[in-house]
Each structure stands twice: as structure tokens, then as C-alpha cells.
Amino acid sequence: MRADEVNVAGEKPPEALTGAEREELVRLRREVKRLQMEREILKKAAAFFAKESE
């Protein structure tokens, strides 16, 4: 079971989402993916510049 499938007490099942909630979920997942990619790029850049300054 994936973490996003866990039903927190009082939470509606995924099929009970409204259209607006579903759109927001898609938007937020897209944003999380973009932010994770940015973080990875920044980590690689920091490692590159730290290695270069030695």
C-alpha cells in the first residue's frame, strides 16, 4: 500500500474527491515533483562547487 493510499481517520476515500480537489491534488503532485528535481540539481551544484574549491 502506498503512503498516499493510507486512510487517515475521517478522511474521505479517494473516489469521493470533488473535481476541484482532484485538480488540486494533481497540481500539488506536479509541484512536489518539480521541487524534488530542483533540490537534486542544487545538491549536485553544491557538491560540484565544494569539490572545485578544494
PDB file of N, CA and C in Angstrom:
ATOM      1  N   MET A   1       0.850  -1.185   0.000  1.00  0.00           N
ATOM      2  CA  MET A   1       0.000   0.000   0.000  1.00  0.00           C
ATOM      3  C   MET A   1       0.890   1.242   0.000  1.00  0.00           C
ATOM      4  N   ARG A   2       0.603   2.169  -0.892  1.00  0.00           N
ATOM      5  CA  ARG A   2       1.377   3.401  -0.981  1.00  0.00           C
ATOM      6  C   ARG A   2       0.964   4.344   0.132  1.00  0.00           C
ATOM      7  N   ALA A   3       1.858   5.247   0.479  1.00  0.00           N
ATOM      8  CA  ALA A   3       1.601   6.191   1.579  1.00  0.00           C
ATOM      9  C   ALA A   3       0.387   7.074   1.280  1.00  0.00           C
ATOM     10  N   ASP A   4       0.172   7.413   0.009  1.00  0.00           N
ATOM     11  CA  ASP A   4      -0.959   8.287  -0.313  1.00  0.00           C
ATOM     12  C   ASP A   4      -2.288   7.538  -0.308  1.00  0.00           C
ATOM     13  N   GLU A   5      -2.246   6.210  -0.123  1.00  0.00           N
ATOM     14  CA  GLU A   5      -3.465   5.428  -0.069  1.00  0.00           C
ATOM     15  C   GLU A   5      -3.937   5.184   1.369  1.00  0.00           C
ATOM     16  N   VAL A   6      -3.104   5.562   2.320  1.00  0.00           N
ATOM     17  CA  VAL A   6      -3.463   5.356   3.718  1.00  0.00           C
ATOM     18  C   VAL A   6      -4.630   6.269   4.066  1.00  0.00           C
ATOM     19  N   ASN A   7      -5.649   5.699   4.675  1.00  0.00           N
ATOM     20  CA  ASN A   7      -6.836   6.466   5.022  1.00  0.00           C
ATOM     21  C   ASN A   7      -6.711   6.985   6.447  1.00  0.00           C
ATOM     22  N   VAL A   8      -6.497   8.280   6.587  1.00  0.00           N
ATOM     23  CA  VAL A   8      -6.400   8.914   7.894  1.00  0.00           C
ATOM     24  C   VAL A   8      -7.813   9.017   8.459  1.00  0.00           C
ATOM     25  N   ALA A   9      -7.951   8.905   9.747  1.00  0.00           N
ATOM     26  CA  ALA A   9      -9.270   8.939  10.393  1.00  0.00           C
ATOM     27  C   ALA A   9     -10.072  10.141   9.911  1.00  0.00           C
ATOM     28  N   GLY A  10     -11.267   9.885   9.443  1.00  0.00           N
ATOM     29  CA  GLY A  10     -12.153  10.956   8.996  1.00  0.00           C
ATOM     30  C   GLY A  10     -11.927  11.409   7.571  1.00  0.00           C
ATOM     31  N   GLU A  11     -10.925  10.881   6.903  1.00  0.00           N
ATOM     32  CA  GLU A  11     -10.635  11.290   5.525  1.00  0.00           C
ATOM     33  C   GLU A  11     -11.533  10.516   4.564  1.00  0.00           C
ATOM     34  N   LYS A  12     -12.001  11.225   3.536  1.00  0.00           N
ATOM     35  CA  LYS A  12     -12.840  10.581   2.524  1.00  0.00           C
ATOM     36  C   LYS A  12     -11.994   9.638   1.668  1.00  0.00           C
ATOM     37  N   PRO A  13     -12.564   8.562   1.165  1.00  0.00           N
ATOM     38  CA  PRO A  13     -11.812   7.699   0.241  1.00  0.00           C
ATOM     39  C   PRO A  13     -11.493   8.469  -1.040  1.00  0.00           C
ATOM     40  N   PRO A  14     -10.416   8.100  -1.757  1.00  0.00           N
ATOM     41  CA  PRO A  14     -10.004   8.856  -2.949  1.00  0.00           C
ATOM     42  C   PRO A  14     -11.113   9.036  -3.985  1.00  0.00           C
ATOM     43  N   GLU A  15     -11.991   8.057  -4.143  1.00  0.00           N
ATOM     44  CA  GLU A  15     -13.042   8.189  -5.144  1.00  0.00           C
ATOM     45  C   GLU A  15     -14.089   9.230  -4.757  1.00  0.00           C
ATOM     46  N   ALA A  16     -14.052   9.708  -3.512  1.00  0.00           N
ATOM     47  CA  ALA A  16     -15.015  10.706  -3.047  1.00  0.00           C
ATOM     48  C   ALA A  16     -14.509  12.135  -3.269  1.00  0.00           C
ATOM     49  N   LEU A  17     -13.373  12.304  -3.923  1.00  0.00           N
ATOM     50  CA  LEU A  17     -12.831  13.637  -4.163  1.00  0.00           C
ATOM     51  C   LEU A  17     -13.693  14.385  -5.177  1.00  0.00           C
ATOM     52  N   THR A  18     -13.836  15.674  -4.941  1.00  0.00           N
ATOM     53  CA  THR A  18     -14.547  16.504  -5.917  1.00  0.00           C
ATOM     54  C   THR A  18     -13.597  16.805  -7.073  1.00  0.00           C
ATOM     55  N   GLY A  19     -14.133  17.366  -8.126  1.00  0.00           N
ATOM     56  CA  GLY A  19     -13.304  17.728  -9.276  1.00  0.00           C
ATOM     57  C   GLY A  19     -12.232  18.727  -8.893  1.00  0.00           C
ATOM     58  N   ALA A  20     -12.582  19.711  -8.079  1.00  0.00           N
ATOM     59  CA  ALA A  20     -11.619  20.732  -7.654  1.00  0.00           C
ATOM     60  C   ALA A  20     -10.523  20.115  -6.788  1.00  0.00           C
ATOM     61  N   GLU A  21     -10.902  19.182  -5.912  1.00  0.00           N
ATOM     62  CA  GLU A  21      -9.916  18.523  -5.058  1.00  0.00           C
ATOM     63  C   GLU A  21      -8.973  17.669  -5.884  1.00  0.00           C
ATOM     64  N   ARG A  22      -9.518  16.992  -6.876  1.00  0.00           N
ATOM     65  CA  ARG A  22      -8.703  16.152  -7.753  1.00  0.00           C
ATOM     66  C   ARG A  22      -7.710  17.018  -8.536  1.00  0.00           C
ATOM     67  N   GLU A  23      -8.172  18.167  -9.038  1.00  0.00           N
ATOM     68  CA  GLU A  23      -7.292  19.079  -9.773  1.00  0.00           C
ATOM     69  C   GLU A  23      -6.183  19.607  -8.867  1.00  0.00           C
ATOM     70  N   GLU A  24      -6.532  19.953  -7.631  1.00  0.00           N
ATOM     71  CA  GLU A  24      -5.533  20.446  -6.691  1.00  0.00           C
ATOM     72  C   GLU A  24      -4.510  19.359  -6.374  1.00  0.00           C
ATOM     73  N   LEU A  25      -4.960  18.129  -6.219  1.00  0.00           N
ATOM     74  CA  LEU A  25      -4.066  17.008  -5.943  1.00  0.00           C
ATOM     75  C   LEU A  25      -3.074  16.824  -7.085  1.00  0.00           C
ATOM     76  N   VAL A  26      -3.569  16.887  -8.303  1.00  0.00           N
ATOM     77  CA  VAL A  26      -2.693  16.753  -9.478  1.00  0.00           C
ATOM     78  C   VAL A  26      -1.684  17.893  -9.508  1.00  0.00           C
ATOM     79  N   ARG A  27      -2.151  19.120  -9.249  1.00  0.00           N
ATOM     80  CA  ARG A  27      -1.265  20.292  -9.254  1.00  0.00           C
ATOM     81  C   ARG A  27      -0.200  20.168  -8.169  1.00  0.00           C
ATOM     82  N   LEU A  28      -0.598  19.743  -6.979  1.00  0.00           N
ATOM     83  CA  LEU A  28       0.348  19.628  -5.872  1.00  0.00           C
ATOM     84  C   LEU A  28       1.371  18.521  -6.124  1.00  0.00           C
ATOM     85  N   ARG A  29       0.928  17.417  -6.698  1.00  0.00           N
ATOM     86  CA  ARG A  29       1.877  16.339  -7.015  1.00  0.00           C
ATOM     87  C   ARG A  29       2.884  16.801  -8.060  1.00  0.00           C
ATOM     88  N   ARG A  30       2.421  17.561  -9.045  1.00  0.00           N
ATOM     89  CA  ARG A  30       3.311  18.100 -10.073  1.00  0.00           C
ATOM     90  C   ARG A  30       4.329  19.049  -9.430  1.00  0.00           C
ATOM     91  N   GLU A  31       3.863  19.895  -8.508  1.00  0.00           N
ATOM     92  CA  GLU A  31       4.747  20.843  -7.835  1.00  0.00           C
ATOM     93  C   GLU A  31       5.776  20.119  -6.965  1.00  0.00           C
ATOM     94  N   VAL A  32       5.359  19.076  -6.264  1.00  0.00           N
ATOM     95  CA  VAL A  32       6.281  18.293  -5.443  1.00  0.00           C
ATOM     96  C   VAL A  32       7.376  17.696  -6.324  1.00  0.00           C
ATOM     97  N   LYS A  33       6.985  17.146  -7.462  1.00  0.00           N
ATOM     98  CA  LYS A  33       7.965  16.548  -8.378  1.00  0.00           C
ATOM     99  C   LYS A  33       8.969  17.592  -8.861  1.00  0.00           C
ATOM    100  N   ARG A  34       8.471  18.778  -9.213  1.00  0.00           N
ATOM    101  CA  ARG A  34       9.352  19.859  -9.679  1.00  0.00           C
ATOM    102  C   ARG A  34      10.306  20.291  -8.576  1.00  0.00           C
ATOM    103  N   LEU A  35       9.805  20.441  -7.356  1.00  0.00           N
ATOM    104  CA  LEU A  35      10.645  20.860  -6.238  1.00  0.00           C
ATOM    105  C   LEU A  35      11.693  19.802  -5.899  1.00  0.00           C
ATOM    106  N   GLN A  36      11.332  18.532  -6.018  1.00  0.00           N
ATOM    107  CA  GLN A  36      12.306  17.464  -5.778  1.00  0.00           C
ATOM    108  C   GLN A  36      13.417  17.513  -6.819  1.00  0.00           C
ATOM    109  N   MET A  37      13.052  17.772  -8.073  1.00  0.00           N
ATOM    110  CA  MET A  37      14.060  17.875  -9.129  1.00  0.00           C
ATOM    111  C   MET A  37      14.975  19.066  -8.871  1.00  0.00           C
ATOM    112  N   GLU A  38      14.395  20.209  -8.478  1.00  0.00           N
ATOM    113  CA  GLU A  38      15.202  21.395  -8.179  1.00  0.00           C
ATOM    114  C   GLU A  38      16.171  21.113  -7.035  1.00  0.00           C
ATOM    115  N   ARG A  39      15.696  20.423  -6.002  1.00  0.00           N
ATOM    116  CA  ARG A  39      16.543  20.102  -4.854  1.00  0.00           C
ATOM    117  C   ARG A  39      17.716  19.225  -5.283  1.00  0.00           C
ATOM    118  N   GLU A  40      17.453  18.242  -6.143  1.00  0.00           N
ATOM    119  CA  GLU A  40      18.526  17.377  -6.621  1.00  0.00           C
ATOM    120  C   GLU A  40      19.558  18.165  -7.416  1.00  0.00           C
ATOM    121  N   ILE A  41      19.098  19.079  -8.241  1.00  0.00           N
ATOM    122  CA  ILE A  41      20.014  19.912  -9.028  1.00  0.00           C
ATOM    123  C   ILE A  41      20.874  20.757  -8.099  1.00  0.00           C
ATOM    124  N   LEU A  42      20.255  21.349  -7.074  1.00  0.00           N
ATOM    125  CA  LEU A  42      21.002  22.184  -6.135  1.00  0.00           C
ATOM    126  C   LEU A  42      22.015  21.362  -5.333  1.00  0.00           C
ATOM    127  N   LYS A  43      21.659  20.141  -4.967  1.00  0.00           N
ATOM    128  CA  LYS A  43      22.591  19.281  -4.246  1.00  0.00           C
ATOM    129  C   LYS A  43      23.802  18.962  -5.117  1.00  0.00           C
ATOM    130  N   LYS A  44      23.552  18.679  -6.395  1.00  0.00           N
ATOM    131  CA  LYS A  44      24.650  18.373  -7.310  1.00  0.00           C
ATOM    132  C   LYS A  44      25.532  19.599  -7.538  1.00  0.00           C
ATOM    133  N   ALA A  45      24.908  20.770  -7.651  1.00  0.00           N
ATOM    134  CA  ALA A  45      25.673  22.000  -7.846  1.00  0.00           C
ATOM    135  C   ALA A  45      26.520  22.306  -6.612  1.00  0.00           C
ATOM    136  N   ALA A  46      25.953  22.122  -5.438  1.00  0.00           N
ATOM    137  CA  ALA A  46      26.703  22.367  -4.208  1.00  0.00           C
ATOM    138  C   ALA A  46      27.894  21.422  -4.109  1.00  0.00           C
ATOM    139  N   ALA A  47      27.691  20.157  -4.452  1.00  0.00           N
ATOM    140  CA  ALA A  47      28.785  19.188  -4.418  1.00  0.00           C
ATOM    141  C   ALA A  47      29.858  19.561  -5.443  1.00  0.00           C
ATOM    142  N   PHE A  48      29.449  20.006  -6.617  1.00  0.00           N
ATOM    143  CA  PHE A  48      30.393  20.404  -7.655  1.00  0.00           C
ATOM    144  C   PHE A  48      31.251  21.571  -7.195  1.00  0.00           C
ATOM    145  N   PHE A  49      30.621  22.606  -6.650  1.00  0.00           N
ATOM    146  CA  PHE A  49      31.361  23.798  -6.235  1.00  0.00           C
ATOM    147  C   PHE A  49      32.197  23.533  -4.993  1.00  0.00           C
ATOM    148  N   ALA A  50      31.748  22.649  -4.119  1.00  0.00           N
ATOM    149  CA  ALA A  50      32.551  22.293  -2.942  1.00  0.00           C
ATOM    150  C   ALA A  50      33.806  21.545  -3.375  1.00  0.00           C
ATOM    151  N   LYS A  51      33.658  20.670  -4.368  1.00  0.00           N
ATOM    152  CA  LYS A  51      34.804  19.901  -4.875  1.00  0.00           C
ATOM    153  C   LYS A  51      35.772  20.827  -5.604  1.00  0.00           C
ATOM    154  N   GLU A  52      35.245  21.804  -6.337  1.00  0.00           N
ATOM    155  CA  GLU A  52      36.076  22.717  -7.121  1.00  0.00           C
ATOM    156  C   GLU A  52      36.885  23.659  -6.230  1.00  0.00           C
ATOM    157  N   SER A  53      36.379  23.990  -5.044  1.00  0.00           N
ATOM    158  CA  SER A  53      37.067  24.953  -4.181  1.00  0.00           C
ATOM    159  C   SER A  53      38.157  24.302  -3.332  1.00  0.00           C
ATOM    160  N   GLU A  54      38.342  22.993  -3.449  1.00  0.00           N
ATOM    161  CA  GLU A  54      39.389  22.306  -2.667  1.00  0.00           C
ATOM    162  C   GLU A  54      40.758  22.587  -3.204  1.00  0.00           C
TER     163      GLU A  54
END
